[in-house]
């Protein structure tokens, strides 16, 4: 099994259930792993793997759509990756809201999700 990783992607977006989140936005950190079995090894050409630049563009585009729940965002990103990249077998993704609107919190909040192609 081979894995493609995108780590610590910081994207500014307007996700959240509170009006101020929708207006002010927040910074989100994403970590993403896509696993697949290459048809042959060693992998020598981009067409034999999953292009992480294309994955990043997909993530960036979805993150630009304001959404109330991170659970919605994360499950839709996982499904889109499996739909658009036929080699992808498993997607693991986490999203962290860096500055949650919670009084006196010293930390962040987030969600994570794993989806396998056979679960679609």
N, C-alpha and C. Protein backbone atom coordinates (compact mmCIF):
# COMPACT_ATOMS: atom_id res chain seq x y z
N UNK A 1 0.86 -1.17 0.00
CA UNK A 1 0.00 0.00 0.00
C UNK A 1 0.90 1.23 0.00
N UNK A 2 0.56 2.18 -0.82
CA UNK A 2 1.30 3.44 -0.90
C UNK A 2 0.38 4.55 -0.38
N UNK A 3 0.96 5.55 0.27
CA UNK A 3 0.16 6.65 0.83
C UNK A 3 0.65 7.99 0.31
N UNK A 4 -0.30 8.85 0.01
CA UNK A 4 -0.05 10.24 -0.36
C UNK A 4 -0.48 11.07 0.85
N UNK A 5 0.36 12.00 1.29
CA UNK A 5 0.06 12.81 2.47
C UNK A 5 0.05 14.28 2.12
N UNK A 6 -0.90 15.00 2.69
CA UNK A 6 -0.90 16.45 2.69
C UNK A 6 -1.03 16.84 4.15
N UNK A 7 -0.01 17.50 4.68
CA UNK A 7 0.04 17.79 6.11
C UNK A 7 0.00 19.28 6.40
N UNK A 8 -0.69 19.61 7.45
CA UNK A 8 -0.74 20.97 8.00
C UNK A 8 -1.10 22.02 6.96
N UNK A 9 -2.10 21.70 6.14
CA UNK A 9 -2.61 22.69 5.19
C UNK A 9 -3.40 23.72 5.99
N UNK A 10 -3.04 24.97 5.90
CA UNK A 10 -3.77 26.02 6.59
C UNK A 10 -4.62 26.76 5.57
N UNK A 11 -5.92 26.75 5.81
CA UNK A 11 -6.87 27.38 4.89
C UNK A 11 -7.82 28.25 5.70
N UNK A 12 -7.99 29.48 5.27
CA UNK A 12 -8.95 30.39 5.91
C UNK A 12 -10.31 30.14 5.29
N UNK A 13 -11.33 29.94 6.13
CA UNK A 13 -12.67 29.64 5.62
C UNK A 13 -13.73 30.16 6.59
N UNK A 14 -14.98 30.04 6.20
CA UNK A 14 -16.11 30.58 6.97
C UNK A 14 -17.06 29.48 7.43
N UNK A 15 -16.53 28.43 8.04
CA UNK A 15 -17.35 27.34 8.54
C UNK A 15 -17.74 27.59 9.99
N UNK A 16 -18.96 27.22 10.34
CA UNK A 16 -19.38 27.33 11.73
C UNK A 16 -20.87 27.58 11.84
N UNK A 17 -21.39 27.36 13.03
CA UNK A 17 -22.82 27.52 13.25
C UNK A 17 -23.19 28.92 13.75
N UNK A 18 -22.20 29.66 14.22
CA UNK A 18 -22.47 30.99 14.77
C UNK A 18 -22.28 32.06 13.70
N UNK A 19 -23.10 33.11 13.77
CA UNK A 19 -23.06 34.18 12.77
C UNK A 19 -21.67 34.80 12.66
N UNK A 20 -21.00 35.02 13.79
CA UNK A 20 -19.68 35.65 13.73
C UNK A 20 -18.66 34.78 12.98
N UNK A 21 -18.82 33.47 13.05
CA UNK A 21 -17.93 32.57 12.29
C UNK A 21 -18.17 32.72 10.80
N UNK A 22 -19.44 32.88 10.45
CA UNK A 22 -19.80 33.03 9.04
C UNK A 22 -19.28 34.34 8.47
N UNK A 23 -19.21 35.36 9.31
CA UNK A 23 -18.76 36.68 8.87
C UNK A 23 -17.24 36.81 8.97
N UNK A 24 -16.69 36.49 10.14
CA UNK A 24 -15.26 36.71 10.39
C UNK A 24 -14.37 35.60 9.83
N UNK A 25 -14.87 34.37 9.79
CA UNK A 25 -14.07 33.25 9.33
C UNK A 25 -13.09 32.77 10.40
N UNK A 26 -12.27 31.81 10.03
CA UNK A 26 -11.34 31.19 10.96
C UNK A 26 -10.25 30.49 10.15
N UNK A 27 -9.16 30.16 10.82
CA UNK A 27 -8.12 29.35 10.20
C UNK A 27 -8.38 27.89 10.53
N UNK A 28 -8.24 27.05 9.52
CA UNK A 28 -8.42 25.62 9.67
C UNK A 28 -7.14 24.91 9.23
N UNK A 29 -6.79 23.86 9.95
CA UNK A 29 -5.65 23.04 9.56
C UNK A 29 -6.16 21.67 9.15
N UNK A 30 -5.73 21.22 7.99
CA UNK A 30 -6.15 19.92 7.47
C UNK A 30 -4.95 19.00 7.34
N UNK A 31 -5.18 17.74 7.65
CA UNK A 31 -4.21 16.68 7.41
C UNK A 31 -4.95 15.58 6.67
N UNK A 32 -4.31 15.06 5.65
CA UNK A 32 -4.99 14.16 4.74
C UNK A 32 -4.03 13.06 4.28
N UNK A 33 -4.51 11.83 4.31
CA UNK A 33 -3.76 10.69 3.78
C UNK A 33 -4.66 9.91 2.85
N UNK A 34 -4.13 9.59 1.68
CA UNK A 34 -4.85 8.76 0.71
C UNK A 34 -4.00 7.53 0.47
N UNK A 35 -4.60 6.35 0.64
CA UNK A 35 -3.88 5.10 0.44
C UNK A 35 -4.37 4.39 -0.82
N UNK A 36 -3.43 3.76 -1.52
CA UNK A 36 -3.78 2.99 -2.71
C UNK A 36 -2.71 1.95 -2.99
N UNK A 37 -3.07 0.97 -3.81
CA UNK A 37 -2.12 -0.04 -4.27
C UNK A 37 -1.69 0.34 -5.69
N UNK A 38 -0.42 0.70 -5.88
CA UNK A 38 0.02 1.02 -7.23
C UNK A 38 -0.02 -0.22 -8.12
N UNK A 39 -0.31 -0.01 -9.40
CA UNK A 39 -0.38 -1.13 -10.35
C UNK A 39 0.98 -1.80 -10.50
N UNK A 40 2.04 -1.02 -10.39
CA UNK A 40 3.40 -1.57 -10.45
C UNK A 40 4.32 -0.68 -9.64
N UNK A 41 5.42 -1.27 -9.23
CA UNK A 41 6.43 -0.51 -8.52
C UNK A 41 7.78 -0.74 -9.20
N UNK A 42 8.65 0.21 -9.18
CA UNK A 42 8.45 1.53 -8.58
C UNK A 42 7.52 2.40 -9.44
N UNK A 43 6.86 3.33 -8.79
CA UNK A 43 6.01 4.29 -9.49
C UNK A 43 6.95 5.32 -10.12
N UNK A 44 6.82 5.50 -11.44
CA UNK A 44 7.75 6.39 -12.14
C UNK A 44 7.09 7.55 -12.85
N UNK A 45 5.76 7.52 -12.95
CA UNK A 45 5.06 8.57 -13.69
C UNK A 45 3.86 9.05 -12.90
N UNK A 46 3.53 10.32 -13.07
CA UNK A 46 2.41 10.92 -12.35
C UNK A 46 1.10 10.19 -12.62
N UNK A 47 0.93 9.68 -13.83
CA UNK A 47 -0.31 8.97 -14.17
C UNK A 47 -0.47 7.65 -13.40
N UNK A 48 0.60 7.19 -12.76
CA UNK A 48 0.56 5.95 -11.99
C UNK A 48 0.30 6.17 -10.50
N UNK A 49 0.06 7.42 -10.15
CA UNK A 49 -0.14 7.75 -8.75
C UNK A 49 -1.29 8.74 -8.61
N UNK A 50 -1.45 9.30 -7.44
CA UNK A 50 -2.47 10.32 -7.18
C UNK A 50 -1.76 11.66 -7.05
N UNK A 51 -2.13 12.59 -7.89
CA UNK A 51 -1.49 13.90 -7.93
C UNK A 51 -1.92 14.74 -6.73
N UNK A 52 -0.98 14.98 -5.80
CA UNK A 52 -1.35 15.72 -4.59
C UNK A 52 -1.68 17.18 -4.87
N UNK A 53 -1.21 17.73 -5.99
CA UNK A 53 -1.60 19.09 -6.36
C UNK A 53 -3.09 19.12 -6.70
N UNK A 54 -3.57 18.13 -7.42
CA UNK A 54 -5.00 18.04 -7.74
C UNK A 54 -5.83 17.83 -6.48
N UNK A 55 -5.33 17.03 -5.55
CA UNK A 55 -6.03 16.82 -4.28
C UNK A 55 -6.12 18.14 -3.52
N UNK A 56 -5.02 18.87 -3.46
CA UNK A 56 -5.01 20.16 -2.77
C UNK A 56 -6.04 21.11 -3.38
N UNK A 57 -6.11 21.18 -4.70
CA UNK A 57 -7.07 22.06 -5.36
C UNK A 57 -8.51 21.66 -5.02
N UNK A 58 -8.78 20.37 -4.97
CA UNK A 58 -10.11 19.88 -4.58
C UNK A 58 -10.45 20.33 -3.16
N UNK A 59 -9.50 20.16 -2.24
CA UNK A 59 -9.72 20.53 -0.83
C UNK A 59 -9.94 22.04 -0.72
N UNK A 60 -9.11 22.81 -1.38
CA UNK A 60 -9.21 24.27 -1.33
C UNK A 60 -10.57 24.75 -1.86
N UNK A 61 -11.02 24.14 -2.95
CA UNK A 61 -12.32 24.51 -3.54
C UNK A 61 -13.47 24.20 -2.58
N UNK A 62 -13.44 23.02 -1.95
CA UNK A 62 -14.52 22.65 -1.02
C UNK A 62 -14.49 23.50 0.24
N UNK A 63 -13.31 23.81 0.72
CA UNK A 63 -13.19 24.64 1.93
C UNK A 63 -13.72 26.05 1.71
N UNK A 64 -13.81 26.49 0.47
CA UNK A 64 -14.31 27.83 0.15
C UNK A 64 -15.83 27.95 0.25
N UNK A 65 -16.51 26.82 0.43
CA UNK A 65 -17.97 26.83 0.53
C UNK A 65 -18.35 26.85 2.01
N UNK A 66 -18.89 27.99 2.51
CA UNK A 66 -19.26 28.06 3.93
C UNK A 66 -20.26 26.97 4.31
N UNK A 67 -19.97 26.30 5.42
CA UNK A 67 -20.78 25.16 5.86
C UNK A 67 -20.89 25.20 7.38
N UNK A 68 -22.05 24.88 7.91
CA UNK A 68 -22.26 24.95 9.35
C UNK A 68 -21.38 23.96 10.12
N UNK A 69 -21.32 22.71 9.66
CA UNK A 69 -20.64 21.66 10.42
C UNK A 69 -19.39 21.15 9.71
N UNK A 70 -18.31 21.01 10.47
CA UNK A 70 -17.08 20.43 9.92
C UNK A 70 -17.30 18.97 9.52
N UNK A 71 -18.23 18.30 10.19
CA UNK A 71 -18.54 16.91 9.84
C UNK A 71 -19.04 16.82 8.40
N UNK A 72 -19.80 17.80 7.97
CA UNK A 72 -20.28 17.83 6.58
C UNK A 72 -19.11 18.04 5.63
N UNK A 73 -18.27 19.00 5.95
CA UNK A 73 -17.12 19.33 5.10
C UNK A 73 -16.21 18.11 4.93
N UNK A 74 -15.87 17.48 6.04
CA UNK A 74 -14.90 16.39 6.02
C UNK A 74 -15.42 15.16 5.27
N UNK A 75 -16.69 14.83 5.45
CA UNK A 75 -17.23 13.66 4.76
C UNK A 75 -17.38 13.94 3.26
N UNK A 76 -17.72 15.17 2.90
CA UNK A 76 -17.83 15.51 1.48
C UNK A 76 -16.46 15.51 0.80
N UNK A 77 -15.43 16.00 1.47
CA UNK A 77 -14.08 15.96 0.89
C UNK A 77 -13.65 14.52 0.66
N UNK A 78 -13.85 13.66 1.64
CA UNK A 78 -13.46 12.25 1.49
C UNK A 78 -14.19 11.60 0.32
N UNK A 79 -15.47 11.82 0.21
CA UNK A 79 -16.25 11.25 -0.89
C UNK A 79 -15.80 11.80 -2.24
N UNK A 80 -15.52 13.09 -2.32
CA UNK A 80 -15.06 13.69 -3.58
C UNK A 80 -13.73 13.09 -4.01
N UNK A 81 -12.84 12.88 -3.07
CA UNK A 81 -11.54 12.28 -3.40
C UNK A 81 -11.74 10.88 -3.97
N UNK A 82 -12.56 10.08 -3.31
CA UNK A 82 -12.80 8.72 -3.80
C UNK A 82 -13.51 8.74 -5.16
N UNK A 83 -14.38 9.72 -5.38
CA UNK A 83 -15.07 9.84 -6.67
C UNK A 83 -14.12 10.26 -7.80
N UNK A 84 -13.22 11.16 -7.51
CA UNK A 84 -12.37 11.75 -8.55
C UNK A 84 -11.06 11.03 -8.80
N UNK A 85 -10.60 10.24 -7.85
CA UNK A 85 -9.33 9.55 -7.99
C UNK A 85 -9.57 8.04 -7.88
N UNK A 86 -9.67 7.40 -9.02
CA UNK A 86 -10.05 5.98 -9.05
C UNK A 86 -9.03 5.08 -8.35
N UNK A 87 -7.78 5.49 -8.24
CA UNK A 87 -6.78 4.69 -7.54
C UNK A 87 -6.99 4.70 -6.02
N UNK A 88 -7.58 5.77 -5.51
CA UNK A 88 -7.74 5.93 -4.06
C UNK A 88 -8.59 4.81 -3.47
N UNK A 89 -8.09 4.20 -2.41
CA UNK A 89 -8.83 3.14 -1.72
C UNK A 89 -9.33 3.59 -0.35
N UNK A 90 -8.50 4.34 0.36
CA UNK A 90 -8.86 4.82 1.69
C UNK A 90 -8.43 6.28 1.83
N UNK A 91 -9.31 7.08 2.43
CA UNK A 91 -9.01 8.48 2.71
C UNK A 91 -9.14 8.70 4.21
N UNK A 92 -8.10 9.25 4.81
CA UNK A 92 -8.14 9.66 6.22
C UNK A 92 -7.92 11.16 6.24
N UNK A 93 -8.80 11.87 6.91
CA UNK A 93 -8.72 13.32 6.91
C UNK A 93 -9.09 13.88 8.28
N UNK A 94 -8.41 14.92 8.68
CA UNK A 94 -8.77 15.63 9.91
C UNK A 94 -8.78 17.12 9.61
N UNK A 95 -9.69 17.82 10.27
CA UNK A 95 -9.79 19.27 10.17
C UNK A 95 -9.80 19.82 11.58
N UNK A 96 -8.98 20.82 11.80
CA UNK A 96 -8.88 21.45 13.11
C UNK A 96 -9.22 22.93 12.96
N UNK A 97 -10.18 23.40 13.75
CA UNK A 97 -10.50 24.83 13.80
C UNK A 97 -9.54 25.45 14.81
N UNK A 98 -8.63 26.29 14.32
CA UNK A 98 -7.56 26.80 15.18
C UNK A 98 -8.04 27.71 16.29
N UNK A 99 -9.05 28.52 16.03
CA UNK A 99 -9.51 29.50 17.01
C UNK A 99 -11.02 29.38 17.22
N UNK A 100 -11.45 28.35 17.94
CA UNK A 100 -12.89 28.14 18.12
C UNK A 100 -13.51 29.24 18.99
N UNK A 101 -14.77 29.57 18.71
CA UNK A 101 -15.44 30.61 19.49
C UNK A 101 -15.99 30.07 20.81
N UNK A 102 -15.09 29.61 21.65
CA UNK A 102 -15.47 29.04 22.95
C UNK A 102 -14.75 29.86 24.03
N UNK A 103 -15.49 30.41 24.93
CA UNK A 103 -14.92 31.24 25.98
C UNK A 103 -13.88 30.48 26.79
N UNK A 104 -12.74 31.09 26.96
CA UNK A 104 -11.64 30.60 27.81
C UNK A 104 -11.02 29.29 27.34
N UNK A 105 -11.20 28.92 26.10
CA UNK A 105 -10.55 27.69 25.63
C UNK A 105 -9.10 28.00 25.27
N UNK A 106 -8.23 27.12 25.67
CA UNK A 106 -6.82 27.23 25.32
C UNK A 106 -6.48 26.00 24.48
N UNK A 107 -6.82 26.06 23.21
CA UNK A 107 -6.61 24.93 22.33
C UNK A 107 -7.47 25.07 21.10
N UNK A 108 -7.69 23.97 20.44
CA UNK A 108 -8.47 23.98 19.21
C UNK A 108 -9.47 22.83 19.25
N UNK A 109 -10.34 22.81 18.26
CA UNK A 109 -11.33 21.73 18.14
C UNK A 109 -11.25 21.17 16.72
N UNK A 110 -11.75 19.97 16.52
CA UNK A 110 -11.71 19.43 15.18
C UNK A 110 -12.45 18.12 15.06
N UNK A 111 -12.42 17.60 13.84
CA UNK A 111 -13.05 16.32 13.53
C UNK A 111 -12.11 15.51 12.65
N UNK A 112 -12.27 14.21 12.66
CA UNK A 112 -11.51 13.35 11.74
C UNK A 112 -12.44 12.28 11.19
N UNK A 113 -12.04 11.74 10.04
CA UNK A 113 -12.91 10.80 9.34
C UNK A 113 -12.05 9.89 8.47
N UNK A 114 -12.44 8.63 8.39
CA UNK A 114 -11.79 7.66 7.50
C UNK A 114 -12.88 7.03 6.65
N UNK A 115 -12.65 6.98 5.34
CA UNK A 115 -13.61 6.35 4.45
C UNK A 115 -12.86 5.43 3.48
N UNK A 116 -13.39 4.23 3.34
CA UNK A 116 -12.85 3.26 2.38
C UNK A 116 -13.76 3.20 1.16
N UNK A 117 -13.19 2.94 0.03
CA UNK A 117 -13.97 2.89 -1.21
C UNK A 117 -15.14 1.91 -1.11
N UNK A 118 -14.95 0.76 -0.48
CA UNK A 118 -16.02 -0.23 -0.39
C UNK A 118 -17.16 0.21 0.54
N UNK A 119 -16.98 1.31 1.29
CA UNK A 119 -18.02 1.82 2.18
C UNK A 119 -18.92 2.85 1.49
N UNK A 120 -18.58 3.21 0.28
CA UNK A 120 -19.34 4.26 -0.42
C UNK A 120 -20.71 3.79 -0.81
